[in-house]
Amino acid sequence: MALTNPMKIVPLNCCQCSALLNASEEVRQVLCQHCGSQLAVLHEGSAAYTESREPKPMEVAIEQLLEESEQQRELAVLDRQWQKERRQYMVIVYDGTARVPSSSIANDTVITSFVGGLLFVFIAWLFSDNLLSFVGGCLLIGLFVVIGLGLSRLQHQRSAAYQEAERCYRRRRLDLIEKPEAFPSKGWG
């Protein structure tokens, strides 16, 4: 019994490590058993040779550097935007320093207003010689307490807005850090 179409074996060299490879004439791709490179088998006339199907290590390194550089640039832009936005929320305290708004400052304002109001009502009661001056003093003190409560409410709102803005910033930053590669793998298949 005669073979009708025997496979012709073509000797090839790996273009990455120069190892000798043997492949049938019909094969269009081969894996180098020596270095593990994926190779395309190209035919030009009676000659056959291999070409790498993977990016060269230097190309991969450059692509990674470009990706990291772009990511660092995007992070720097985002950080500068956040610093600018953050300044809008800052609260200047009594000693002239800027602080991040917090609920504790608002709570301190409520407590100070309430305790201060009670203290002033007591003082007004002690030093008033008639009911009209006592009531007038209490009204002024009540106005002081209402202003303090309003400022406290404003501080709570500012604190909540700051916390939401910070959450958005952190989410965007994390998305940039964890985003898929800008330069996907160039492997075939």
N, C-alpha and C. Protein backbone atom coordinates (compact mmCIF):
# COMPACT_ATOMS: atom_id res chain seq x y z
N MET A 1 0.85 -1.15 0.00
CA MET A 1 0.00 0.00 0.00
C MET A 1 0.91 1.23 0.00
N ALA A 2 0.66 2.11 -0.92
CA ALA A 2 1.50 3.30 -1.08
C ALA A 2 0.82 4.50 -0.43
N LEU A 3 1.64 5.34 0.17
CA LEU A 3 1.12 6.58 0.76
C LEU A 3 0.84 7.56 -0.36
N THR A 4 -0.34 8.15 -0.32
CA THR A 4 -0.72 9.06 -1.39
C THR A 4 -0.14 10.46 -1.21
N ASN A 5 -0.07 10.90 0.00
CA ASN A 5 0.42 12.26 0.23
C ASN A 5 1.29 12.27 1.48
N PRO A 6 2.54 11.87 1.37
CA PRO A 6 3.38 11.89 2.56
C PRO A 6 3.67 13.34 2.99
N MET A 7 3.71 13.58 4.32
CA MET A 7 4.00 14.91 4.84
C MET A 7 5.49 15.16 4.72
N LYS A 8 5.78 16.32 4.18
CA LYS A 8 7.18 16.71 4.04
C LYS A 8 7.57 17.51 5.28
N ILE A 9 8.66 17.13 5.89
CA ILE A 9 9.17 17.82 7.08
C ILE A 9 10.13 18.91 6.62
N VAL A 10 9.90 20.11 7.17
CA VAL A 10 10.72 21.26 6.80
C VAL A 10 11.58 21.64 8.01
N PRO A 11 12.90 21.72 7.85
CA PRO A 11 13.73 22.18 8.96
C PRO A 11 13.64 23.70 9.09
N LEU A 12 13.44 24.16 10.32
CA LEU A 12 13.33 25.59 10.60
C LEU A 12 14.23 25.94 11.77
N ASN A 13 14.55 27.19 11.90
CA ASN A 13 15.26 27.69 13.08
C ASN A 13 14.35 28.67 13.80
N CYS A 14 14.36 28.60 15.12
CA CYS A 14 13.59 29.56 15.93
C CYS A 14 14.24 30.94 15.76
N CYS A 15 13.41 31.92 15.44
CA CYS A 15 13.96 33.27 15.25
C CYS A 15 14.33 33.95 16.57
N GLN A 16 13.93 33.36 17.69
CA GLN A 16 14.26 33.95 18.99
C GLN A 16 15.55 33.37 19.57
N CYS A 17 15.67 32.01 19.51
CA CYS A 17 16.83 31.38 20.16
C CYS A 17 17.68 30.55 19.21
N SER A 18 17.29 30.48 17.95
CA SER A 18 18.01 29.75 16.88
C SER A 18 17.98 28.24 17.05
N ALA A 19 17.11 27.72 17.91
CA ALA A 19 17.01 26.26 18.07
C ALA A 19 16.45 25.64 16.79
N LEU A 20 16.88 24.42 16.51
CA LEU A 20 16.40 23.72 15.33
C LEU A 20 15.00 23.19 15.58
N LEU A 21 14.10 23.45 14.64
CA LEU A 21 12.71 22.99 14.72
C LEU A 21 12.40 22.19 13.47
N ASN A 22 11.60 21.19 13.60
CA ASN A 22 11.12 20.43 12.46
C ASN A 22 9.61 20.52 12.45
N ALA A 23 9.04 20.92 11.33
CA ALA A 23 7.59 21.06 11.22
C ALA A 23 7.16 20.58 9.85
N SER A 24 5.93 20.15 9.74
CA SER A 24 5.44 19.73 8.43
C SER A 24 5.24 20.96 7.56
N GLU A 25 5.21 20.73 6.29
CA GLU A 25 5.14 21.81 5.31
C GLU A 25 3.85 22.63 5.44
N GLU A 26 2.78 22.00 5.89
CA GLU A 26 1.48 22.68 5.99
C GLU A 26 1.33 23.54 7.26
N VAL A 27 2.19 23.37 8.22
CA VAL A 27 2.07 24.07 9.49
C VAL A 27 2.27 25.57 9.29
N ARG A 28 1.40 26.36 9.91
CA ARG A 28 1.49 27.83 9.81
C ARG A 28 1.97 28.49 11.11
N GLN A 29 1.95 27.72 12.17
CA GLN A 29 2.48 28.22 13.43
C GLN A 29 3.06 27.07 14.22
N VAL A 30 4.06 27.40 15.05
CA VAL A 30 4.76 26.38 15.81
C VAL A 30 5.21 26.99 17.14
N LEU A 31 5.36 26.13 18.14
CA LEU A 31 5.84 26.54 19.45
C LEU A 31 7.25 25.99 19.62
N CYS A 32 8.20 26.87 19.90
CA CYS A 32 9.58 26.43 20.10
C CYS A 32 9.66 25.68 21.41
N GLN A 33 10.13 24.44 21.36
CA GLN A 33 10.24 23.62 22.55
C GLN A 33 11.43 24.04 23.42
N HIS A 34 12.33 24.83 22.87
CA HIS A 34 13.51 25.26 23.62
C HIS A 34 13.25 26.53 24.44
N CYS A 35 12.69 27.58 23.78
CA CYS A 35 12.50 28.86 24.49
C CYS A 35 11.03 29.17 24.77
N GLY A 36 10.11 28.39 24.18
CA GLY A 36 8.69 28.59 24.44
C GLY A 36 8.04 29.69 23.60
N SER A 37 8.75 30.23 22.62
CA SER A 37 8.19 31.30 21.78
C SER A 37 7.14 30.75 20.83
N GLN A 38 6.09 31.55 20.64
CA GLN A 38 5.10 31.23 19.61
C GLN A 38 5.59 31.83 18.31
N LEU A 39 5.68 31.01 17.29
CA LEU A 39 6.27 31.45 16.03
C LEU A 39 5.30 31.22 14.88
N ALA A 40 5.32 32.13 13.93
CA ALA A 40 4.59 31.96 12.68
C ALA A 40 5.56 31.34 11.68
N VAL A 41 5.09 30.38 10.91
CA VAL A 41 5.92 29.76 9.87
C VAL A 41 5.53 30.41 8.56
N LEU A 42 6.50 31.07 7.93
CA LEU A 42 6.25 31.78 6.68
C LEU A 42 6.97 31.06 5.54
N HIS A 43 6.33 31.01 4.39
CA HIS A 43 6.89 30.35 3.21
C HIS A 43 7.03 31.37 2.10
N GLU A 44 8.21 31.41 1.51
CA GLU A 44 8.46 32.25 0.33
C GLU A 44 9.15 31.36 -0.69
N GLY A 45 8.39 30.95 -1.66
CA GLY A 45 8.93 30.03 -2.65
C GLY A 45 9.26 28.70 -1.98
N SER A 46 10.48 28.23 -2.15
CA SER A 46 10.89 26.97 -1.54
C SER A 46 11.48 27.16 -0.15
N ALA A 47 11.66 28.42 0.26
CA ALA A 47 12.24 28.70 1.57
C ALA A 47 11.15 28.87 2.63
N ALA A 48 11.47 28.45 3.84
CA ALA A 48 10.54 28.62 4.97
C ALA A 48 11.34 29.18 6.15
N TYR A 49 10.73 30.07 6.89
CA TYR A 49 11.41 30.65 8.05
C TYR A 49 10.35 30.99 9.11
N THR A 50 10.84 31.31 10.29
CA THR A 50 9.92 31.62 11.40
C THR A 50 9.98 33.12 11.71
N GLU A 51 8.87 33.59 12.25
CA GLU A 51 8.77 34.98 12.69
C GLU A 51 8.02 34.97 14.01
N SER A 52 8.47 35.76 14.92
CA SER A 52 7.86 35.79 16.24
C SER A 52 6.43 36.29 16.17
N ARG A 53 5.55 35.66 16.93
CA ARG A 53 4.15 36.08 17.04
C ARG A 53 3.96 36.91 18.31
N GLU A 54 5.01 37.04 19.09
CA GLU A 54 4.93 37.76 20.35
C GLU A 54 5.73 39.04 20.23
N PRO A 55 5.33 40.06 20.96
CA PRO A 55 6.14 41.27 20.93
C PRO A 55 7.52 40.99 21.53
N LYS A 56 8.50 41.70 21.04
CA LYS A 56 9.85 41.54 21.56
C LYS A 56 9.92 42.11 22.97
N PRO A 57 10.79 41.57 23.81
CA PRO A 57 10.87 42.04 25.20
C PRO A 57 11.06 43.55 25.31
N MET A 58 11.85 44.15 24.43
CA MET A 58 12.08 45.59 24.49
C MET A 58 10.77 46.33 24.18
N GLU A 59 10.01 45.82 23.20
CA GLU A 59 8.72 46.45 22.87
C GLU A 59 7.77 46.38 24.06
N VAL A 60 7.75 45.23 24.70
CA VAL A 60 6.88 45.06 25.87
C VAL A 60 7.30 46.02 26.98
N ALA A 61 8.60 46.14 27.21
CA ALA A 61 9.09 47.03 28.27
C ALA A 61 8.74 48.48 27.96
N ILE A 62 8.89 48.88 26.71
CA ILE A 62 8.56 50.26 26.32
C ILE A 62 7.07 50.51 26.48
N GLU A 63 6.26 49.56 26.06
CA GLU A 63 4.81 49.69 26.20
C GLU A 63 4.41 49.81 27.67
N GLN A 64 5.04 49.01 28.52
CA GLN A 64 4.74 49.09 29.95
C GLN A 64 5.15 50.44 30.53
N LEU A 65 6.31 50.94 30.13
CA LEU A 65 6.76 52.27 30.59
C LEU A 65 5.80 53.37 30.13
N LEU A 66 5.36 53.26 28.88
CA LEU A 66 4.41 54.26 28.37
C LEU A 66 3.10 54.20 29.14
N GLU A 67 2.63 53.00 29.39
CA GLU A 67 1.39 52.84 30.14
C GLU A 67 1.53 53.41 31.55
N GLU A 68 2.62 53.07 32.22
CA GLU A 68 2.85 53.56 33.58
C GLU A 68 2.98 55.08 33.59
N SER A 69 3.67 55.62 32.59
CA SER A 69 3.84 57.07 32.49
C SER A 69 2.49 57.75 32.29
N GLU A 70 1.67 57.22 31.42
CA GLU A 70 0.33 57.79 31.17
C GLU A 70 -0.53 57.69 32.42
N GLN A 71 -0.44 56.56 33.11
CA GLN A 71 -1.21 56.39 34.34
C GLN A 71 -0.75 57.39 35.40
N GLN A 72 0.56 57.58 35.54
CA GLN A 72 1.08 58.54 36.51
C GLN A 72 0.65 59.96 36.16
N ARG A 73 0.63 60.28 34.88
CA ARG A 73 0.19 61.61 34.45
C ARG A 73 -1.28 61.81 34.80
N GLU A 74 -2.11 60.81 34.50
CA GLU A 74 -3.54 60.91 34.80
C GLU A 74 -3.77 61.02 36.31
N LEU A 75 -3.01 60.26 37.09
CA LEU A 75 -3.13 60.35 38.55
C LEU A 75 -2.71 61.74 39.05
N ALA A 76 -1.65 62.29 38.49
CA ALA A 76 -1.19 63.62 38.90
C ALA A 76 -2.24 64.68 38.58
N VAL A 77 -2.85 64.59 37.40
CA VAL A 77 -3.91 65.54 37.03
C VAL A 77 -5.08 65.41 38.00
N LEU A 78 -5.49 64.19 38.28
CA LEU A 78 -6.60 63.96 39.20
C LEU A 78 -6.27 64.49 40.60
N ASP A 79 -5.06 64.25 41.07
CA ASP A 79 -4.65 64.73 42.39
C ASP A 79 -4.65 66.26 42.46
N ARG A 80 -4.17 66.91 41.39
CA ARG A 80 -4.18 68.38 41.37
C ARG A 80 -5.61 68.91 41.38
N GLN A 81 -6.50 68.28 40.61
CA GLN A 81 -7.91 68.69 40.60
C GLN A 81 -8.52 68.53 41.98
N TRP A 82 -8.20 67.42 42.65
CA TRP A 82 -8.76 67.19 43.98
C TRP A 82 -8.24 68.23 44.97
N GLN A 83 -6.95 68.56 44.91
CA GLN A 83 -6.41 69.56 45.83
C GLN A 83 -7.10 70.91 45.64
N LYS A 84 -7.37 71.25 44.39
CA LYS A 84 -8.06 72.50 44.09
C LYS A 84 -9.50 72.45 44.62
N GLU A 85 -10.19 71.35 44.37
CA GLU A 85 -11.56 71.20 44.85
C GLU A 85 -11.61 71.15 46.38
N ARG A 86 -10.64 70.49 46.96
CA ARG A 86 -10.59 70.33 48.42
C ARG A 86 -10.49 71.68 49.13
N ARG A 87 -9.74 72.60 48.53
CA ARG A 87 -9.60 73.94 49.13
C ARG A 87 -10.93 74.65 49.28
N GLN A 88 -11.88 74.35 48.38
CA GLN A 88 -13.20 74.99 48.45
C GLN A 88 -13.98 74.56 49.69
N TYR A 89 -13.69 73.38 50.19
CA TYR A 89 -14.42 72.85 51.35
C TYR A 89 -13.77 73.22 52.68
N MET A 90 -12.53 73.65 52.66
CA MET A 90 -11.78 73.86 53.89
C MET A 90 -12.44 74.92 54.78
N VAL A 91 -12.28 74.74 56.07
CA VAL A 91 -12.82 75.65 57.07
C VAL A 91 -11.64 76.32 57.77
N ILE A 92 -11.70 77.63 57.87
CA ILE A 92 -10.65 78.37 58.57
C ILE A 92 -11.06 78.45 60.04
N VAL A 93 -10.22 77.94 60.91
CA VAL A 93 -10.54 77.94 62.34
C VAL A 93 -9.94 79.17 63.02
N TYR A 94 -10.22 79.31 64.29
CA TYR A 94 -9.87 80.52 65.04
C TYR A 94 -8.41 80.91 64.97
N ASP A 95 -7.49 79.93 64.84
CA ASP A 95 -6.06 80.28 64.80
C ASP A 95 -5.57 80.56 63.37
N GLY A 96 -6.48 80.58 62.41
CA GLY A 96 -6.13 80.91 61.03
C GLY A 96 -5.73 79.73 60.16
N THR A 97 -5.71 78.53 60.72
CA THR A 97 -5.36 77.35 59.93
C THR A 97 -6.60 76.82 59.22
N ALA A 98 -6.36 76.19 58.09
CA ALA A 98 -7.45 75.58 57.33
C ALA A 98 -7.59 74.12 57.74
N ARG A 99 -8.83 73.71 57.95
CA ARG A 99 -9.09 72.31 58.33
C ARG A 99 -10.18 71.74 57.45
N VAL A 100 -10.16 70.43 57.35
CA VAL A 100 -11.20 69.72 56.63
C VAL A 100 -12.49 69.81 57.46
N PRO A 101 -13.62 70.09 56.83
CA PRO A 101 -14.86 70.17 57.60
C PRO A 101 -15.21 68.80 58.19
N SER A 102 -15.70 68.83 59.41
CA SER A 102 -16.05 67.56 60.06
C SER A 102 -17.31 67.74 60.88
N SER A 103 -17.96 66.64 61.13
CA SER A 103 -19.16 66.66 61.96
C SER A 103 -18.82 67.05 63.39
N SER A 104 -17.63 66.75 63.84
CA SER A 104 -17.27 67.08 65.22
C SER A 104 -17.23 68.59 65.44
N ILE A 105 -16.79 69.35 64.41
CA ILE A 105 -16.81 70.80 64.52
C ILE A 105 -18.26 71.28 64.63
N ALA A 106 -19.15 70.69 63.83
CA ALA A 106 -20.56 71.06 63.88
C ALA A 106 -21.15 70.72 65.25
N ASN A 107 -20.80 69.55 65.77
CA ASN A 107 -21.30 69.16 67.09
C ASN A 107 -20.78 70.10 68.17
N ASP A 108 -19.52 70.50 68.05
CA ASP A 108 -18.95 71.47 69.00
C ASP A 108 -19.70 72.79 68.95
N THR A 109 -20.09 73.20 67.75
CA THR A 109 -20.84 74.45 67.59
C THR A 109 -22.19 74.37 68.28
N VAL A 110 -22.88 73.24 68.14
CA VAL A 110 -24.18 73.05 68.79
C VAL A 110 -24.02 73.10 70.31
N ILE A 111 -23.06 72.36 70.81
CA ILE A 111 -22.85 72.31 72.26
C ILE A 111 -22.47 73.68 72.79
N THR A 112 -21.57 74.38 72.10
CA THR A 112 -21.15 75.71 72.53
C THR A 112 -22.34 76.68 72.52
N SER A 113 -23.15 76.61 71.47
CA SER A 113 -24.32 77.50 71.39
C SER A 113 -25.30 77.23 72.53
N PHE A 114 -25.57 75.96 72.76
CA PHE A 114 -26.55 75.59 73.79
C PHE A 114 -26.05 75.96 75.18
N VAL A 115 -24.81 75.56 75.49
CA VAL A 115 -24.24 75.85 76.81
C VAL A 115 -24.08 77.37 76.99
N GLY A 116 -23.60 78.04 75.96
CA GLY A 116 -23.46 79.49 76.03
C GLY A 116 -24.80 80.16 76.24
N GLY A 117 -25.83 79.67 75.54
CA GLY A 117 -27.18 80.23 75.70
C GLY A 117 -27.69 80.05 77.11
N LEU A 118 -27.52 78.85 77.67
CA LEU A 118 -27.96 78.62 79.05
C LEU A 118 -27.19 79.50 80.04
N LEU A 119 -25.91 79.64 79.81
CA LEU A 119 -25.09 80.48 80.69
C LEU A 119 -25.55 81.94 80.63
N PHE A 120 -25.80 82.42 79.42
CA PHE A 120 -26.26 83.80 79.29
C PHE A 120 -27.66 84.01 79.87
N VAL A 121 -28.55 83.01 79.76
CA VAL A 121 -29.88 83.12 80.38
C VAL A 121 -29.72 83.22 81.90
N PHE A 122 -28.83 82.42 82.44
CA PHE A 122 -28.60 82.47 83.89
C PHE A 122 -28.04 83.83 84.30
N ILE A 123 -27.08 84.34 83.52
CA ILE A 123 -26.50 85.66 83.83
C ILE A 123 -27.55 86.75 83.69
N ALA A 124 -28.38 86.65 82.65
CA ALA A 124 -29.44 87.65 82.47
C ALA A 124 -30.42 87.61 83.64
N TRP A 125 -30.71 86.43 84.13
CA TRP A 125 -31.64 86.29 85.26
C TRP A 125 -31.03 86.90 86.53
N LEU A 126 -29.71 86.67 86.72
CA LEU A 126 -29.04 87.19 87.91
C LEU A 126 -28.98 88.72 87.93
N PHE A 127 -28.72 89.32 86.76
CA PHE A 127 -28.48 90.75 86.72
C PHE A 127 -29.68 91.58 86.26
N SER A 128 -30.79 90.96 86.01
CA SER A 128 -31.95 91.74 85.59
C SER A 128 -32.73 92.20 86.81
N ASP A 129 -33.13 93.45 86.74
CA ASP A 129 -33.87 93.98 87.88
C ASP A 129 -35.37 93.95 87.62
N ASN A 130 -35.77 93.67 86.39
CA ASN A 130 -37.20 93.52 86.13
C ASN A 130 -37.42 92.46 85.05
N LEU A 131 -38.63 92.07 84.86
CA LEU A 131 -38.99 90.99 83.93
C LEU A 131 -38.73 91.39 82.48
N LEU A 132 -38.94 92.66 82.13
CA LEU A 132 -38.76 93.12 80.76
C LEU A 132 -37.30 93.01 80.32
N SER A 133 -36.37 93.39 81.17
CA SER A 133 -34.96 93.27 80.81
C SER A 133 -34.54 91.80 80.73
N PHE A 134 -35.14 90.95 81.58
CA PHE A 134 -34.84 89.52 81.54
C PHE A 134 -35.33 88.91 80.23
N VAL A 135 -36.54 89.23 79.82
CA VAL A 135 -37.11 88.71 78.57
C VAL A 135 -36.30 89.23 77.38
N GLY A 136 -35.93 90.51 77.40
CA GLY A 136 -35.11 91.07 76.32
C GLY A 136 -33.76 90.37 76.23
N GLY A 137 -33.15 90.12 77.37
CA GLY A 137 -31.87 89.39 77.39
C GLY A 137 -32.03 87.98 76.86
N CYS A 138 -33.14 87.33 77.24
CA CYS A 138 -33.39 85.96 76.76
C CYS A 138 -33.61 85.93 75.25
N LEU A 139 -34.27 86.96 74.72
CA LEU A 139 -34.47 87.01 73.27
C LEU A 139 -33.14 87.17 72.54
N LEU A 140 -32.28 88.01 73.04
CA LEU A 140 -30.96 88.16 72.43
C LEU A 140 -30.15 86.86 72.52
N ILE A 141 -30.26 86.21 73.67
CA ILE A 141 -29.56 84.94 73.85
C ILE A 141 -30.16 83.88 72.93
N GLY A 142 -31.48 83.87 72.78
CA GLY A 142 -32.14 82.94 71.86
C GLY A 142 -31.66 83.15 70.44
N LEU A 143 -31.49 84.41 70.04
CA LEU A 143 -30.96 84.72 68.72
C LEU A 143 -29.55 84.15 68.58
N PHE A 144 -28.73 84.28 69.60
CA PHE A 144 -27.39 83.72 69.61
C PHE A 144 -27.44 82.19 69.41
N VAL A 145 -28.35 81.53 70.11
CA VAL A 145 -28.47 80.07 70.01
C VAL A 145 -28.94 79.68 68.61
N VAL A 146 -29.92 80.40 68.06
CA VAL A 146 -30.43 80.09 66.72
C VAL A 146 -29.33 80.26 65.67
N ILE A 147 -28.54 81.32 65.79
CA ILE A 147 -27.42 81.52 64.85
C ILE A 147 -26.42 80.38 65.00
N GLY A 148 -26.13 79.98 66.22
CA GLY A 148 -25.21 78.85 66.45
C GLY A 148 -25.73 77.56 65.84
N LEU A 149 -27.03 77.31 66.01
CA LEU A 149 -27.62 76.09 65.43
C LEU A 149 -27.60 76.15 63.90
N GLY A 150 -27.84 77.33 63.34
CA GLY A 150 -27.78 77.48 61.88
C GLY A 150 -26.38 77.23 61.35
N LEU A 151 -25.39 77.79 62.05
CA LEU A 151 -24.00 77.55 61.64
C LEU A 151 -23.63 76.07 61.76
N SER A 152 -24.16 75.43 62.80
CA SER A 152 -23.90 74.01 62.98
C SER A 152 -24.50 73.20 61.82
N ARG A 153 -25.71 73.54 61.43
CA ARG A 153 -26.37 72.84 60.31
C ARG A 153 -25.57 73.05 59.03
N LEU A 154 -25.13 74.27 58.82
CA LEU A 154 -24.31 74.57 57.65
C LEU A 154 -23.02 73.75 57.66
N GLN A 155 -22.40 73.62 58.83
CA GLN A 155 -21.17 72.85 58.97
C GLN A 155 -21.42 71.37 58.69
N HIS A 156 -22.54 70.84 59.16
CA HIS A 156 -22.90 69.43 58.87
C HIS A 156 -23.05 69.22 57.36
N GLN A 157 -23.72 70.14 56.70
CA GLN A 157 -23.91 70.02 55.25
C GLN A 157 -22.56 70.09 54.52
N ARG A 158 -21.72 71.00 54.96
CA ARG A 158 -20.40 71.13 54.33
C ARG A 158 -19.56 69.87 54.55
N SER A 159 -19.66 69.32 55.74
CA SER A 159 -18.93 68.09 56.05
C SER A 159 -19.42 66.94 55.17
N ALA A 160 -20.74 66.81 55.02
CA ALA A 160 -21.30 65.74 54.19
C ALA A 160 -20.90 65.93 52.72
N ALA A 161 -20.92 67.17 52.23
CA ALA A 161 -20.52 67.44 50.84
C ALA A 161 -19.04 67.10 50.64
N TYR A 162 -18.21 67.45 51.61
CA TYR A 162 -16.78 67.14 51.52
C TYR A 162 -16.56 65.63 51.49
N GLN A 163 -17.23 64.91 52.38
CA GLN A 163 -17.06 63.46 52.43
C GLN A 163 -17.50 62.80 51.12
N GLU A 164 -18.58 63.28 50.52
CA GLU A 164 -19.03 62.73 49.24
C GLU A 164 -18.02 63.05 48.13
N ALA A 165 -17.50 64.28 48.11
CA ALA A 165 -16.50 64.65 47.10
C ALA A 165 -15.24 63.81 47.27
N GLU A 166 -14.84 63.56 48.51
CA GLU A 166 -13.64 62.74 48.76
C GLU A 166 -13.88 61.30 48.32
N ARG A 167 -15.08 60.78 48.57
CA ARG A 167 -15.40 59.41 48.11
C ARG A 167 -15.31 59.32 46.59
N CYS A 168 -15.84 60.33 45.89
CA CYS A 168 -15.78 60.34 44.42
C CYS A 168 -14.34 60.40 43.94
N TYR A 169 -13.53 61.24 44.57
CA TYR A 169 -12.11 61.34 44.21
C TYR A 169 -11.42 60.00 44.41
N ARG A 170 -11.61 59.39 45.56
CA ARG A 170 -10.95 58.10 45.84
C ARG A 170 -11.41 57.01 44.86
N ARG A 171 -12.69 57.03 44.50
CA ARG A 171 -13.22 56.05 43.54
C ARG A 171 -12.58 56.26 42.18
N ARG A 172 -12.49 57.51 41.72
CA ARG A 172 -11.87 57.80 40.42
C ARG A 172 -10.39 57.41 40.44
N ARG A 173 -9.72 57.66 41.55
CA ARG A 173 -8.29 57.32 41.66
C ARG A 173 -8.10 55.81 41.60
N LEU A 174 -8.95 55.09 42.31
CA LEU A 174 -8.86 53.63 42.31
C LEU A 174 -9.17 53.09 40.91
N ASP A 175 -10.14 53.69 40.23
CA ASP A 175 -10.45 53.25 38.86
C ASP A 175 -9.25 53.45 37.94
N LEU A 176 -8.52 54.56 38.11
CA LEU A 176 -7.34 54.79 37.29
C LEU A 176 -6.24 53.77 37.59
N ILE A 177 -6.08 53.46 38.86
CA ILE A 177 -5.03 52.51 39.25
C ILE A 177 -5.36 51.11 38.77
N GLU A 178 -6.62 50.75 38.84
CA GLU A 178 -7.02 49.38 38.50
C GLU A 178 -7.52 49.22 37.07
N LYS A 179 -7.47 50.28 36.25
CA LYS A 179 -8.03 50.16 34.91
C LYS A 179 -7.24 49.15 34.09
N PRO A 180 -7.92 48.50 33.13
CA PRO A 180 -7.23 47.51 32.28
C PRO A 180 -6.10 48.18 31.51
N GLU A 181 -5.18 47.37 31.07
CA GLU A 181 -4.01 47.89 30.37
C GLU A 181 -4.41 48.73 29.17
N ALA A 182 -3.73 49.84 29.00
CA ALA A 182 -3.96 50.68 27.83
C ALA A 182 -3.41 50.00 26.58
N PHE A 183 -2.41 49.16 26.77
CA PHE A 183 -1.81 48.45 25.65
C PHE A 183 -2.02 46.96 25.87
N PRO A 184 -3.12 46.40 25.34
CA PRO A 184 -3.37 44.98 25.57
C PRO A 184 -2.29 44.11 24.94
N SER A 185 -2.21 42.90 25.42
CA SER A 185 -1.22 41.95 24.92
C SER A 185 -1.36 41.80 23.41
N LYS A 186 -0.22 41.74 22.73
CA LYS A 186 -0.26 41.63 21.29
C LYS A 186 -0.13 40.17 20.83
N GLY A 187 -0.32 39.23 21.75
CA GLY A 187 -0.25 37.83 21.36
C GLY A 187 -1.39 37.47 20.43
N TRP A 188 -1.20 36.55 19.56
CA TRP A 188 -2.25 36.14 18.63
C TRP A 188 -3.07 35.07 19.30
N GLY A 189 -4.32 35.08 19.04
CA GLY A 189 -5.15 33.98 19.52
C GLY A 189 -5.96 34.41 20.64
